């Protein structure tokens, strides 16, 4: 079986282009969701730290300047 004729066949190449476009769209959607979840998690952790510091449960710390 030769691969080159399949690669240049109009129907096959249209299918491959559509498949790649769908895959790219799905990947972008997933990446957007993961970025949103990461931001949500960081904001939630910051709120928990702020609440704990404001209630005196943990001392406020400053980042090291090294």
N, C-alpha and C. Protein backbone atom coordinates (compact mmCIF):
# COMPACT_ATOMS: atom_id res chain seq x y z
N UNK A 1 0.85 -1.19 0.00
CA UNK A 1 0.00 0.00 0.00
C UNK A 1 0.88 1.24 0.00
N UNK A 2 0.59 2.14 -0.86
CA UNK A 2 1.37 3.37 -0.94
C UNK A 2 0.69 4.46 -0.12
N UNK A 3 1.49 5.18 0.60
CA UNK A 3 0.96 6.24 1.47
C UNK A 3 0.77 7.55 0.70
N UNK A 4 1.65 7.87 -0.21
CA UNK A 4 1.59 9.14 -0.92
C UNK A 4 0.27 9.36 -1.65
N UNK A 5 -0.28 8.38 -2.39
CA UNK A 5 -1.57 8.65 -3.03
C UNK A 5 -2.67 8.99 -2.03
N UNK A 6 -2.64 8.38 -0.85
CA UNK A 6 -3.66 8.70 0.16
C UNK A 6 -3.51 10.12 0.67
N UNK A 7 -2.28 10.56 0.81
CA UNK A 7 -2.03 11.90 1.34
C UNK A 7 -2.53 12.98 0.38
N UNK A 8 -2.52 12.70 -0.90
CA UNK A 8 -2.94 13.70 -1.87
C UNK A 8 -4.36 13.48 -2.38
N UNK A 9 -5.01 12.46 -1.92
CA UNK A 9 -6.40 12.23 -2.28
C UNK A 9 -7.25 13.32 -1.64
N UNK A 10 -8.11 13.98 -2.42
CA UNK A 10 -8.89 15.11 -1.93
C UNK A 10 -9.76 14.73 -0.72
N UNK A 11 -10.45 13.61 -0.80
CA UNK A 11 -11.34 13.20 0.29
C UNK A 11 -10.53 12.92 1.55
N UNK A 12 -9.43 12.19 1.39
CA UNK A 12 -8.60 11.85 2.55
C UNK A 12 -7.98 13.11 3.17
N UNK A 13 -7.47 14.01 2.34
CA UNK A 13 -6.83 15.20 2.89
C UNK A 13 -7.86 16.11 3.56
N UNK A 14 -9.09 16.17 3.02
CA UNK A 14 -10.13 16.97 3.67
C UNK A 14 -10.48 16.38 5.03
N UNK A 15 -10.55 15.05 5.11
CA UNK A 15 -10.82 14.39 6.39
C UNK A 15 -9.70 14.68 7.38
N UNK A 16 -8.46 14.61 6.92
CA UNK A 16 -7.32 14.85 7.81
C UNK A 16 -7.32 16.30 8.29
N UNK A 17 -7.59 17.25 7.39
CA UNK A 17 -7.64 18.66 7.81
C UNK A 17 -8.75 18.89 8.83
N UNK A 18 -9.92 18.29 8.61
CA UNK A 18 -11.03 18.45 9.56
C UNK A 18 -10.69 17.81 10.90
N UNK A 19 -10.09 16.64 10.85
CA UNK A 19 -9.70 15.96 12.09
C UNK A 19 -8.70 16.82 12.88
N UNK A 20 -7.71 17.36 12.21
CA UNK A 20 -6.70 18.18 12.89
C UNK A 20 -7.32 19.47 13.44
N UNK A 21 -8.24 20.07 12.70
CA UNK A 21 -8.90 21.29 13.19
C UNK A 21 -9.75 20.98 14.43
N UNK A 22 -10.48 19.87 14.40
CA UNK A 22 -11.28 19.47 15.57
C UNK A 22 -10.39 19.18 16.76
N UNK A 23 -9.29 18.49 16.52
CA UNK A 23 -8.36 18.16 17.59
C UNK A 23 -7.78 19.43 18.21
N UNK A 24 -7.38 20.39 17.36
CA UNK A 24 -6.82 21.64 17.85
C UNK A 24 -7.84 22.41 18.68
N UNK A 25 -9.10 22.43 18.22
CA UNK A 25 -10.16 23.13 18.94
C UNK A 25 -10.40 22.50 20.31
N UNK A 26 -10.46 21.17 20.34
CA UNK A 26 -10.66 20.46 21.61
C UNK A 26 -9.49 20.71 22.56
N UNK A 27 -8.27 20.71 22.02
CA UNK A 27 -7.09 20.94 22.85
C UNK A 27 -7.12 22.34 23.44
N UNK A 28 -7.51 23.34 22.62
CA UNK A 28 -7.61 24.72 23.12
C UNK A 28 -8.64 24.81 24.22
N UNK A 29 -9.79 24.16 24.04
CA UNK A 29 -10.84 24.19 25.06
C UNK A 29 -10.34 23.57 26.36
N UNK A 30 -9.65 22.45 26.27
CA UNK A 30 -9.12 21.79 27.45
C UNK A 30 -8.07 22.66 28.13
N UNK A 31 -7.19 23.26 27.36
CA UNK A 31 -6.16 24.14 27.92
C UNK A 31 -6.79 25.33 28.62
N UNK A 32 -7.85 25.90 28.04
CA UNK A 32 -8.55 27.02 28.70
C UNK A 32 -9.16 26.59 30.03
N UNK A 33 -9.76 25.41 30.06
CA UNK A 33 -10.35 24.92 31.31
C UNK A 33 -9.28 24.68 32.36
N UNK A 34 -8.13 24.13 31.97
CA UNK A 34 -7.05 23.89 32.93
C UNK A 34 -6.49 25.20 33.46
N UNK A 35 -6.36 26.22 32.60
CA UNK A 35 -5.90 27.53 33.07
C UNK A 35 -6.90 28.12 34.06
N UNK A 36 -8.20 27.99 33.78
CA UNK A 36 -9.22 28.51 34.67
C UNK A 36 -9.15 27.80 36.03
N UNK A 37 -9.02 26.47 36.00
CA UNK A 37 -8.95 25.72 37.26
C UNK A 37 -7.70 26.09 38.06
N UNK A 38 -6.58 26.28 37.39
CA UNK A 38 -5.35 26.66 38.07
C UNK A 38 -5.51 28.03 38.74
N UNK A 39 -6.09 28.97 38.03
CA UNK A 39 -6.31 30.30 38.61
C UNK A 39 -7.26 30.23 39.79
N UNK A 40 -8.34 29.46 39.65
CA UNK A 40 -9.30 29.30 40.75
C UNK A 40 -8.61 28.72 41.98
N UNK A 41 -7.77 27.71 41.79
CA UNK A 41 -7.08 27.08 42.91
C UNK A 41 -6.13 28.07 43.59
N UNK A 42 -5.36 28.84 42.80
CA UNK A 42 -4.44 29.82 43.40
C UNK A 42 -5.20 30.88 44.19
N UNK A 43 -6.32 31.37 43.63
CA UNK A 43 -7.11 32.37 44.34
C UNK A 43 -7.71 31.80 45.62
N UNK A 44 -8.18 30.58 45.60
CA UNK A 44 -8.75 29.94 46.80
C UNK A 44 -7.67 29.76 47.87
N UNK A 45 -6.47 29.36 47.48
CA UNK A 45 -5.39 29.20 48.45
C UNK A 45 -5.01 30.55 49.05
N UNK A 46 -4.99 31.60 48.24
CA UNK A 46 -4.67 32.93 48.75
C UNK A 46 -5.73 33.40 49.75
N UNK A 47 -7.00 33.13 49.45
CA UNK A 47 -8.07 33.51 50.39
C UNK A 47 -7.94 32.75 51.70
N UNK A 48 -7.64 31.44 51.62
CA UNK A 48 -7.47 30.66 52.85
C UNK A 48 -6.31 31.19 53.70
N UNK A 49 -5.20 31.53 53.03
CA UNK A 49 -4.06 32.10 53.77
C UNK A 49 -4.44 33.42 54.42
N UNK A 50 -5.15 34.28 53.68
CA UNK A 50 -5.54 35.57 54.21
C UNK A 50 -6.45 35.40 55.41
N UNK A 51 -7.41 34.49 55.33
CA UNK A 51 -8.32 34.24 56.45
C UNK A 51 -7.54 33.71 57.66
N UNK A 52 -6.62 32.79 57.43
CA UNK A 52 -5.84 32.23 58.53
C UNK A 52 -4.98 33.30 59.19
N UNK A 53 -4.37 34.17 58.40
CA UNK A 53 -3.54 35.25 58.96
C UNK A 53 -4.41 36.24 59.72
N UNK A 54 -5.56 36.60 59.15
CA UNK A 54 -6.43 37.59 59.81
C UNK A 54 -7.02 37.05 61.11
N UNK A 55 -7.17 35.74 61.23
CA UNK A 55 -7.68 35.15 62.46
C UNK A 55 -6.56 34.80 63.43
N UNK A 56 -5.32 35.07 63.04
CA UNK A 56 -4.19 34.81 63.93
C UNK A 56 -3.79 33.35 64.01
N UNK A 57 -4.26 32.53 63.10
CA UNK A 57 -3.92 31.11 63.14
C UNK A 57 -2.48 30.85 62.69
N UNK A 58 -1.99 31.65 61.76
CA UNK A 58 -0.59 31.53 61.34
C UNK A 58 -0.01 32.93 61.24
N UNK A 59 1.25 33.09 61.56
CA UNK A 59 1.85 34.42 61.46
C UNK A 59 2.02 34.81 59.99
N UNK A 60 1.94 36.12 59.75
CA UNK A 60 2.13 36.59 58.38
C UNK A 60 3.59 36.46 58.03
N UNK A 61 3.88 35.92 56.88
CA UNK A 61 5.26 35.73 56.45
C UNK A 61 5.51 36.56 55.20
N UNK A 62 6.75 36.97 55.06
CA UNK A 62 7.15 37.72 53.89
C UNK A 62 8.14 36.87 53.10
N UNK A 63 8.17 37.00 51.79
CA UNK A 63 9.10 36.19 51.01
C UNK A 63 10.55 36.57 51.31
N UNK A 64 11.43 35.58 51.25
CA UNK A 64 12.85 35.82 51.46
C UNK A 64 13.41 36.62 50.30
N UNK A 65 14.31 37.54 50.63
CA UNK A 65 14.97 38.32 49.58
C UNK A 65 16.40 37.80 49.42
N UNK A 66 16.50 36.65 48.78
CA UNK A 66 17.83 36.07 48.58
C UNK A 66 18.22 36.11 47.14
